[in-house]
């Protein structure tokens, strides 16, 4: 057993339990303090190897490019080290990068059309109808379930009439995807809730978003839309597989790619 990783698991589990038992007002300070504690004790986890960073940015650019426009305002929630936001700045008018962990962002050669906002993890401060795209990659699962309506209302209001929300998040059927992955069948770390396509598409439509579209693919072949009905059917079938078997199949690349959530919805 990797003792250092297990120590991180125990800390994340503790921090997640603490966060789950806060109210919204407490979370306005809790997110920042909890992530600061995590990154101070495990500073290396905030930074991926260079090869991993390159891969992560390339596939996201490939996926996002069809939605981008030179006149757009692009908001990234949970921007981390802002390397994706820096690249996106080449394709749009302005990029606004939100990040809660003030220990992470270290922007070198920041483009003039990129602004970084360290926030409380609860409230974004964008004027109504001022944004074209709001993008969350590996962020939605970190949001407190009680705050989802609050978050989506803010995103909906910030988007203009033709705006889109784009969410990339793990699918609970092939999870867990946080540090719990090696120790538990369910997420007990800082993935406060992992979702299925069925759950997330319903959450979006319940909060006013229209025409959720599902995308699958890879940076080599590109990304294409799949009918929501079919992926929900596949999820329903796979959900009947016992969790112990699903957990053994968690590293199957075909399943991870098929069920890994990439969803786009219109305002």
Protein backbone atom coordinates (compact mmCIF):
# COMPACT_ATOMS: atom_id res chain seq x y z
CA UNK A 1 0.00 0.00 0.00
CA UNK A 2 1.13 3.52 -0.82
CA UNK A 3 1.17 5.01 2.69
CA UNK A 4 1.33 8.59 1.46
CA UNK A 5 -1.67 8.11 -0.81
CA UNK A 6 -3.62 6.42 1.97
CA UNK A 7 -2.87 9.38 4.25
CA UNK A 8 -4.27 11.65 1.55
CA UNK A 9 -7.37 9.44 1.31
CA UNK A 10 -7.96 9.71 5.05
CA UNK A 11 -7.54 13.50 4.97
CA UNK A 12 -9.87 13.94 1.97
CA UNK A 13 -12.45 11.72 3.63
CA UNK A 14 -12.25 13.85 6.77
CA UNK A 15 -12.47 17.12 4.82
CA UNK A 16 -15.40 15.83 2.74
CA UNK A 17 -17.35 14.86 5.85
CA UNK A 18 -16.68 18.28 7.32
CA UNK A 19 -17.82 20.01 4.12
CA UNK A 20 -20.97 17.90 3.79
CA UNK A 21 -22.08 19.05 7.25
CA UNK A 22 -21.78 22.78 6.55
CA UNK A 23 -24.54 25.13 5.47
CA UNK A 24 -24.22 27.37 2.42
CA UNK A 25 -23.02 30.36 4.39
CA UNK A 26 -20.30 28.28 6.05
CA UNK A 27 -19.28 26.88 2.66
CA UNK A 28 -18.46 30.40 1.48
CA UNK A 29 -15.32 30.14 3.61
CA UNK A 30 -15.04 26.35 4.02
CA UNK A 31 -14.12 25.50 0.41
CA UNK A 32 -11.09 27.74 0.40
CA UNK A 33 -9.81 26.70 3.83
CA UNK A 34 -10.32 22.97 3.23
CA UNK A 35 -8.56 22.96 -0.14
CA UNK A 36 -5.77 25.10 1.28
CA UNK A 37 -5.27 22.50 4.03
CA UNK A 38 -5.23 19.67 1.48
CA UNK A 39 -2.71 21.35 -0.84
CA UNK A 40 -0.47 22.41 2.03
CA UNK A 41 -0.20 18.83 3.24
CA UNK A 42 -0.02 17.30 -0.24
CA UNK A 43 1.37 20.05 -2.49
CA UNK A 44 2.18 17.77 -5.42
CA UNK A 45 -1.43 16.74 -6.12
CA UNK A 46 -2.29 20.16 -7.54
CA UNK A 47 0.15 19.77 -10.42
CA UNK A 48 0.03 17.03 -13.05
CA UNK A 49 3.09 15.78 -14.92
CA UNK A 50 3.78 17.79 -18.07
CA UNK A 51 2.82 14.90 -20.37
CA UNK A 52 -0.49 14.48 -18.53
CA UNK A 53 -1.20 18.20 -18.78
CA UNK A 54 -0.57 18.18 -22.54
CA UNK A 55 -2.98 15.26 -23.02
CA UNK A 56 -5.69 16.86 -20.88
CA UNK A 57 -5.50 20.18 -22.68
CA UNK A 58 -5.40 18.70 -26.20
CA UNK A 59 -8.53 16.60 -25.83
CA UNK A 60 -10.44 19.47 -24.24
CA UNK A 61 -9.50 21.86 -27.04
CA UNK A 62 -10.61 19.24 -29.58
CA UNK A 63 -13.92 18.82 -27.77
CA UNK A 64 -14.57 22.53 -27.17
CA UNK A 65 -13.46 24.01 -30.50
CA UNK A 66 -16.78 23.54 -32.34
CA UNK A 67 -18.51 25.63 -29.65
CA UNK A 68 -16.03 28.52 -29.68
CA UNK A 69 -16.23 31.86 -31.47
CA UNK A 70 -13.84 34.82 -31.65
CA UNK A 71 -16.54 37.08 -30.20
CA UNK A 72 -17.36 34.85 -27.23
CA UNK A 73 -16.88 35.29 -23.50
CA UNK A 74 -15.82 31.94 -22.02
CA UNK A 75 -16.03 31.19 -18.29
CA UNK A 76 -14.15 28.24 -16.81
CA UNK A 77 -15.24 27.19 -13.30
CA UNK A 78 -12.52 25.40 -11.36
CA UNK A 79 -9.72 26.48 -13.67
CA UNK A 80 -6.90 25.03 -11.56
CA UNK A 81 -3.55 26.10 -12.98
CA UNK A 82 -5.39 27.95 -15.80
CA UNK A 83 -3.45 26.18 -18.56
CA UNK A 84 -6.65 25.36 -20.43
CA UNK A 85 -7.95 28.91 -20.01
CA UNK A 86 -4.69 30.22 -21.45
CA UNK A 87 -5.19 28.06 -24.56
CA UNK A 88 -8.86 28.94 -24.88
CA UNK A 89 -7.87 32.62 -24.91
CA UNK A 90 -6.55 32.02 -28.44
CA UNK A 91 -10.05 31.17 -29.67
CA UNK A 92 -12.37 33.67 -27.93
CA UNK A 93 -12.71 37.33 -27.07
CA UNK A 94 -12.36 36.99 -23.29
CA UNK A 95 -11.77 34.20 -20.78
CA UNK A 96 -12.77 34.42 -17.13
CA UNK A 97 -11.21 31.71 -14.96
CA UNK A 98 -12.71 30.98 -11.54
CA UNK A 99 -10.71 28.98 -8.97
CA UNK A 100 -11.33 28.39 -5.27
CA UNK A 101 -7.89 27.06 -4.34
CA UNK A 102 -5.68 30.12 -4.11
CA UNK A 103 -2.62 27.84 -3.74
CA UNK A 104 -2.97 26.52 -7.31
CA UNK A 105 -3.01 29.29 -9.93
CA UNK A 106 0.45 30.36 -11.06
CA UNK A 107 -0.10 31.96 -14.43
CA UNK A 108 2.94 32.68 -16.54
CA UNK A 109 2.62 34.74 -19.73
CA UNK A 110 -1.03 35.48 -18.98
CA UNK A 111 -2.88 36.65 -22.10
CA UNK A 112 -4.44 40.12 -21.91
CA UNK A 113 -7.89 38.65 -22.52
CA UNK A 114 -7.71 36.27 -19.53
CA UNK A 115 -8.78 37.27 -16.03
CA UNK A 116 -8.48 35.04 -12.95
CA UNK A 117 -10.96 35.30 -10.11
CA UNK A 118 -10.32 33.50 -6.81
CA UNK A 119 -13.80 32.92 -5.40
CA UNK A 120 -15.57 31.26 -2.51
CA UNK A 121 -16.73 28.18 -4.43
CA UNK A 122 -20.36 29.27 -4.13
CA UNK A 123 -20.93 32.59 -5.90
CA UNK A 124 -19.79 33.73 -9.31
CA UNK A 125 -20.17 37.44 -10.02
CA UNK A 126 -20.93 37.82 -13.71
CA UNK A 127 -23.60 40.21 -15.00
CA UNK A 128 -26.77 38.69 -16.40
CA UNK A 129 -26.67 37.79 -20.11
CA UNK A 130 -22.93 38.53 -20.37
CA UNK A 131 -21.41 35.08 -21.04
CA UNK A 132 -21.51 32.75 -24.05
CA UNK A 133 -20.10 29.54 -22.56
CA UNK A 134 -19.73 28.27 -19.01
CA UNK A 135 -17.46 25.25 -18.76
CA UNK A 136 -16.92 22.88 -15.84
CA UNK A 137 -14.41 20.06 -16.22
CA UNK A 138 -14.07 17.71 -13.23
CA UNK A 139 -15.81 20.28 -11.02
CA UNK A 140 -19.51 19.40 -10.80
CA UNK A 141 -18.77 16.36 -8.65
CA UNK A 142 -17.04 18.61 -6.10
CA UNK A 143 -20.09 20.83 -5.58
CA UNK A 144 -22.21 20.31 -2.49
CA UNK A 145 -25.45 18.61 -3.61
CA UNK A 146 -27.49 21.19 -1.67
CA UNK A 147 -25.94 23.99 -3.76
CA UNK A 148 -26.68 22.64 -7.23
CA UNK A 149 -29.79 24.76 -7.77
CA UNK A 150 -27.90 27.86 -6.59
CA UNK A 151 -24.99 27.19 -8.94
CA UNK A 152 -27.12 26.43 -11.98
CA UNK A 153 -29.30 29.48 -11.39
CA UNK A 154 -26.20 31.67 -11.40
CA UNK A 155 -24.89 30.03 -14.56
CA UNK A 156 -28.26 30.32 -16.28
CA UNK A 157 -28.54 34.03 -15.43
CA UNK A 158 -24.97 34.81 -16.54
CA UNK A 159 -25.44 33.15 -19.94
CA UNK A 160 -26.89 35.14 -22.81
CA UNK A 161 -29.92 33.90 -24.73
CA UNK A 162 -27.79 31.73 -27.04
CA UNK A 163 -25.41 30.63 -24.28
CA UNK A 164 -24.38 27.09 -23.44
CA UNK A 165 -23.27 25.21 -20.35
CA UNK A 166 -20.73 22.44 -20.93
CA UNK A 167 -20.07 19.92 -18.18
CA UNK A 168 -17.46 17.15 -18.10
CA UNK A 169 -17.72 14.97 -15.01
CA UNK A 170 -17.20 11.32 -14.01
CA UNK A 171 -20.05 8.85 -14.28
CA UNK A 172 -20.89 7.21 -10.97
CA UNK A 173 -21.48 3.87 -12.72
CA UNK A 174 -17.75 3.52 -13.44
CA UNK A 175 -16.56 5.30 -10.30
CA UNK A 176 -15.60 6.32 -7.81
CA UNK A 177 -13.16 8.74 -9.45
CA UNK A 178 -11.74 10.60 -6.48
CA UNK A 179 -9.03 9.29 -4.16
CA UNK A 180 -11.59 6.73 -2.91
CA UNK A 181 -11.04 4.76 -6.14
CA UNK A 182 -8.45 2.45 -4.57
CA UNK A 183 -10.20 2.09 -1.21
CA UNK A 184 -13.98 2.20 -1.62
CA UNK A 185 -16.84 1.29 -3.97
CA UNK A 186 -18.34 4.77 -3.52
CA UNK A 187 -16.79 8.25 -3.40
CA UNK A 188 -16.07 9.32 0.16
CA UNK A 189 -13.41 11.92 -0.65
CA UNK A 190 -13.90 15.35 -2.18
CA UNK A 191 -16.16 14.07 -4.91
CA UNK A 192 -19.22 14.95 -2.87
CA UNK A 193 -21.51 13.35 -5.46
CA UNK A 194 -20.88 11.63 -8.77
CA UNK A 195 -23.72 11.52 -11.31
CA UNK A 196 -25.09 9.52 -14.21
CA UNK A 197 -26.12 11.00 -17.56
CA UNK A 198 -29.74 10.40 -16.59
CA UNK A 199 -29.39 12.32 -13.33
CA UNK A 200 -27.42 15.22 -14.78
CA UNK A 201 -29.61 15.75 -17.86
CA UNK A 202 -32.68 15.86 -15.58
CA UNK A 203 -30.98 18.31 -13.20
CA UNK A 204 -30.17 20.61 -16.11
CA UNK A 205 -33.69 20.56 -17.58
CA UNK A 206 -35.24 20.97 -14.11
CA UNK A 207 -33.16 24.14 -13.77
CA UNK A 208 -34.29 25.67 -17.04
CA UNK A 209 -31.63 24.44 -19.48
CA UNK A 210 -32.81 23.05 -22.80
CA UNK A 211 -31.82 20.32 -25.24
CA UNK A 212 -29.06 18.57 -23.28
CA UNK A 213 -26.79 16.77 -25.73
CA UNK A 214 -24.40 13.95 -24.93
CA UNK A 215 -21.00 13.61 -26.59
CA UNK A 216 -18.64 10.68 -26.91
CA UNK A 217 -15.38 10.24 -28.80
CA UNK A 218 -11.68 11.04 -28.49
CA UNK A 219 -9.22 13.65 -29.64
CA UNK A 220 -8.12 11.31 -32.46
CA UNK A 221 -11.53 10.71 -34.03
CA UNK A 222 -13.33 13.79 -32.74
CA UNK A 223 -16.47 14.08 -30.64
CA UNK A 224 -20.02 13.49 -31.81
CA UNK A 225 -23.45 13.76 -30.29
CA UNK A 226 -25.33 10.68 -29.11
CA UNK A 227 -29.08 10.51 -28.55
CA UNK A 228 -29.85 10.87 -24.84
CA UNK A 229 -32.26 7.95 -25.01
CA UNK A 230 -29.54 5.47 -26.01
CA UNK A 231 -27.05 6.41 -23.33
CA UNK A 232 -29.77 6.35 -20.69
CA UNK A 233 -30.73 2.86 -21.90
CA UNK A 234 -27.11 1.70 -21.66
CA UNK A 235 -26.83 3.21 -18.19
CA UNK A 236 -30.00 1.43 -17.10
CA UNK A 237 -28.63 -1.90 -18.32
CA UNK A 238 -25.19 -1.40 -16.79
CA UNK A 239 -26.71 -0.24 -13.50
CA UNK A 240 -28.15 -3.74 -13.08
CA UNK A 241 -24.64 -5.21 -13.02
CA UNK A 242 -23.66 -5.85 -9.36
CA UNK A 243 -21.49 -3.10 -7.92
CA UNK A 244 -18.73 -5.56 -7.04
CA UNK A 245 -18.40 -6.49 -10.74
CA UNK A 246 -18.65 -2.87 -11.89
CA UNK A 247 -15.88 -1.99 -9.47
CA UNK A 248 -13.64 -4.68 -11.00
CA UNK A 249 -14.35 -3.19 -14.44
CA UNK A 250 -13.63 0.39 -13.32
CA UNK A 251 -10.43 0.66 -15.40
CA UNK A 252 -11.93 -0.66 -18.63
CA UNK A 253 -11.10 2.09 -21.11
CA UNK A 254 -14.10 1.41 -23.36
CA UNK A 255 -16.57 1.73 -20.49
CA UNK A 256 -14.82 4.80 -19.10
CA UNK A 257 -14.95 6.53 -22.48
CA UNK A 258 -18.56 5.53 -23.18
CA UNK A 259 -19.94 6.58 -19.82
CA UNK A 260 -17.60 9.51 -19.06
CA UNK A 261 -20.04 12.43 -19.00
CA UNK A 262 -19.68 15.19 -21.58
CA UNK A 263 -22.94 17.11 -21.74
CA UNK A 264 -23.88 20.37 -23.45
CA UNK A 265 -27.15 22.23 -22.82
CA UNK A 266 -28.61 25.49 -24.11
CA UNK A 267 -30.03 28.31 -22.05
